[in-house]
Amino acid sequence: MKTPAYSKDLGLLILRIGIGAMFILHGIPKLLGGPGGWEGLAQFGLPFLPEGIVSVAFGFAAMATELGGGILLALGKFHRLVCAALAGVMFVAFTTKIGDVTGFGDFAKTAGWPLELMVVFIALFFTGPGRYVVGKR
């Protein structure tokens, strides 16, 4: 059975909207956390950062990447840049979780989610957004 030509693009659209919506939902509480929340986010992910404006800036960048990246991913805009940025955020999230793994069976529930999403964003980086995007490509 031959696959219709539109099915790859439709699959990419569904994936982009689904993952994009999830990241919007992850970014909103971080946005509402304000500068104090952004600093805590950065200190959790990058504990070597000095406290203060540097940590606030990195935390803001992570929040903006999740929230804005989720919106742009769903729309199919700046696709490769967004996927690279989100893969980077997921790499940092993975490095914060890997230390909490207590055994082989514990890996998936403790550190698997950010690793899985990092792989998704790397794959999306290479596939492109597909045909269905908002506006001109």
Protein backbone atom coordinates (compact mmCIF):
# COMPACT_ATOMS: atom_id res chain seq x y z
CA MET A 1 0.00 0.00 0.00
CA LYS A 2 1.43 3.34 -1.02
CA THR A 3 1.54 6.08 1.60
CA PRO A 4 -0.17 9.33 0.54
CA ALA A 5 2.23 12.19 -0.18
CA TYR A 6 0.71 14.38 2.52
CA SER A 7 1.05 11.85 5.37
CA LYS A 8 4.65 12.75 6.33
CA ASP A 9 3.77 16.43 6.46
CA LEU A 10 0.58 15.75 8.42
CA GLY A 11 2.54 13.61 10.89
CA LEU A 12 5.09 16.40 11.37
CA LEU A 13 2.27 18.91 11.92
CA ILE A 14 0.66 16.72 14.58
CA LEU A 15 4.01 16.20 16.30
CA ARG A 16 4.89 19.90 16.18
CA ILE A 17 1.52 21.01 17.56
CA GLY A 18 1.47 18.35 20.28
CA ILE A 19 5.03 18.91 21.51
CA GLY A 20 4.69 22.68 21.04
CA ALA A 21 1.55 22.79 23.18
CA MET A 22 3.27 20.76 25.88
CA PHE A 23 6.16 23.21 25.98
CA ILE A 24 3.80 26.18 26.11
CA LEU A 25 2.20 24.56 29.16
CA HIS A 26 5.64 24.02 30.72
CA GLY A 27 6.71 27.60 29.98
CA ILE A 28 3.68 29.45 31.37
CA PRO A 29 4.31 28.61 35.06
CA LYS A 30 7.96 29.53 34.59
CA LEU A 31 6.93 32.87 33.10
CA LEU A 32 4.64 33.51 36.06
CA GLY A 33 7.48 32.66 38.45
CA GLY A 34 9.12 35.97 37.56
CA PRO A 35 12.78 36.83 38.20
CA GLY A 36 12.94 34.85 41.44
CA GLY A 37 11.66 31.75 39.70
CA TRP A 38 13.98 32.27 36.73
CA GLU A 39 16.98 32.52 39.04
CA GLY A 40 15.96 29.32 40.81
CA LEU A 41 15.47 27.58 37.48
CA ALA A 42 18.96 28.55 36.35
CA GLN A 43 20.52 27.60 39.69
CA PHE A 44 18.86 24.18 39.48
CA GLY A 45 19.98 23.51 35.91
CA LEU A 46 23.34 25.27 36.01
CA PRO A 47 24.40 25.38 39.68
CA PHE A 48 27.82 26.81 38.83
CA LEU A 49 26.27 30.12 37.73
CA PRO A 50 26.72 33.04 40.09
CA GLU A 51 23.57 34.20 41.84
CA GLY A 52 22.00 37.41 40.64
CA ILE A 53 21.46 38.87 37.21
CA VAL A 54 23.41 36.13 35.39
CA SER A 55 21.21 33.39 36.83
CA VAL A 56 18.07 35.42 36.19
CA ALA A 57 19.13 35.89 32.55
CA PHE A 58 19.82 32.18 32.03
CA GLY A 59 16.55 31.23 33.73
CA PHE A 60 14.68 33.74 31.59
CA ALA A 61 16.32 32.26 28.48
CA ALA A 62 15.21 28.75 29.47
CA MET A 63 11.65 29.95 30.14
CA ALA A 64 11.52 31.93 26.89
CA THR A 65 12.88 28.96 24.96
CA GLU A 66 10.18 26.68 26.35
CA LEU A 67 7.29 29.14 25.98
CA GLY A 68 8.31 30.93 22.79
CA GLY A 69 9.86 27.82 21.32
CA GLY A 70 6.65 25.90 21.90
CA ILE A 71 4.66 28.56 20.08
CA LEU A 72 7.11 28.77 17.18
CA LEU A 73 7.41 24.99 16.94
CA ALA A 74 3.64 24.62 16.64
CA LEU A 75 3.54 27.32 13.96
CA GLY A 76 6.51 25.87 12.07
CA LYS A 77 8.46 29.12 12.22
CA PHE A 78 12.27 29.31 12.69
CA HIS A 79 12.07 25.54 12.91
CA ARG A 80 15.72 24.51 13.02
CA LEU A 81 16.74 27.31 15.39
CA VAL A 82 13.86 26.46 17.73
CA CYS A 83 14.65 22.73 17.65
CA ALA A 84 18.32 23.39 18.40
CA ALA A 85 17.41 25.67 21.32
CA LEU A 86 14.87 23.22 22.75
CA ALA A 87 17.36 20.34 22.39
CA GLY A 88 19.84 22.44 24.37
CA VAL A 89 17.32 23.09 27.14
CA MET A 90 16.53 19.37 27.25
CA PHE A 91 20.23 18.56 27.45
CA VAL A 92 20.57 20.77 30.53
CA ALA A 93 17.41 19.21 32.01
CA PHE A 94 18.85 15.74 31.36
CA THR A 95 22.12 16.60 33.09
CA THR A 96 20.21 17.76 36.17
CA LYS A 97 18.17 14.55 36.32
CA ILE A 98 20.88 11.98 35.58
CA GLY A 99 22.40 12.42 39.03
CA ASP A 100 19.13 11.29 40.63
CA VAL A 101 19.13 7.91 38.85
CA THR A 102 19.52 5.14 41.42
CA GLY A 103 19.66 2.17 39.06
CA PHE A 104 19.00 0.89 35.57
CA GLY A 105 15.29 0.40 36.21
CA ASP A 106 14.98 3.94 37.56
CA PHE A 107 16.48 5.66 34.49
CA ALA A 108 13.33 6.01 32.38
CA LYS A 109 11.18 7.62 35.08
CA THR A 110 13.96 9.83 36.43
CA ALA A 111 15.98 11.05 33.45
CA GLY A 112 14.28 9.54 30.42
CA TRP A 113 11.82 12.32 29.63
CA PRO A 114 14.34 15.08 28.85
CA LEU A 115 16.56 12.63 26.95
CA GLU A 116 13.61 11.45 24.87
CA LEU A 117 12.61 15.02 24.04
CA MET A 118 16.18 15.93 23.17
CA VAL A 119 16.17 13.08 20.64
CA VAL A 120 12.81 14.29 19.26
CA PHE A 121 14.15 17.82 18.77
CA ILE A 122 17.33 16.58 17.10
CA ALA A 123 15.23 14.45 14.74
CA LEU A 124 12.87 17.36 14.02
CA PHE A 125 15.90 19.56 13.35
CA PHE A 126 16.89 17.24 10.50
CA THR A 127 13.41 16.50 9.12
CA GLY A 128 12.32 20.12 8.92
CA PRO A 129 8.84 21.40 9.76
CA GLY A 130 7.03 19.76 6.88
CA ARG A 131 4.75 21.43 4.36
CA TYR A 132 2.11 22.69 6.80
CA VAL A 133 3.45 25.86 8.44
CA VAL A 134 1.92 29.25 9.19
CA GLY A 135 2.90 31.81 6.57
CA LYS A 136 5.52 31.42 3.87
CA ARG A 137 8.50 29.11 4.33
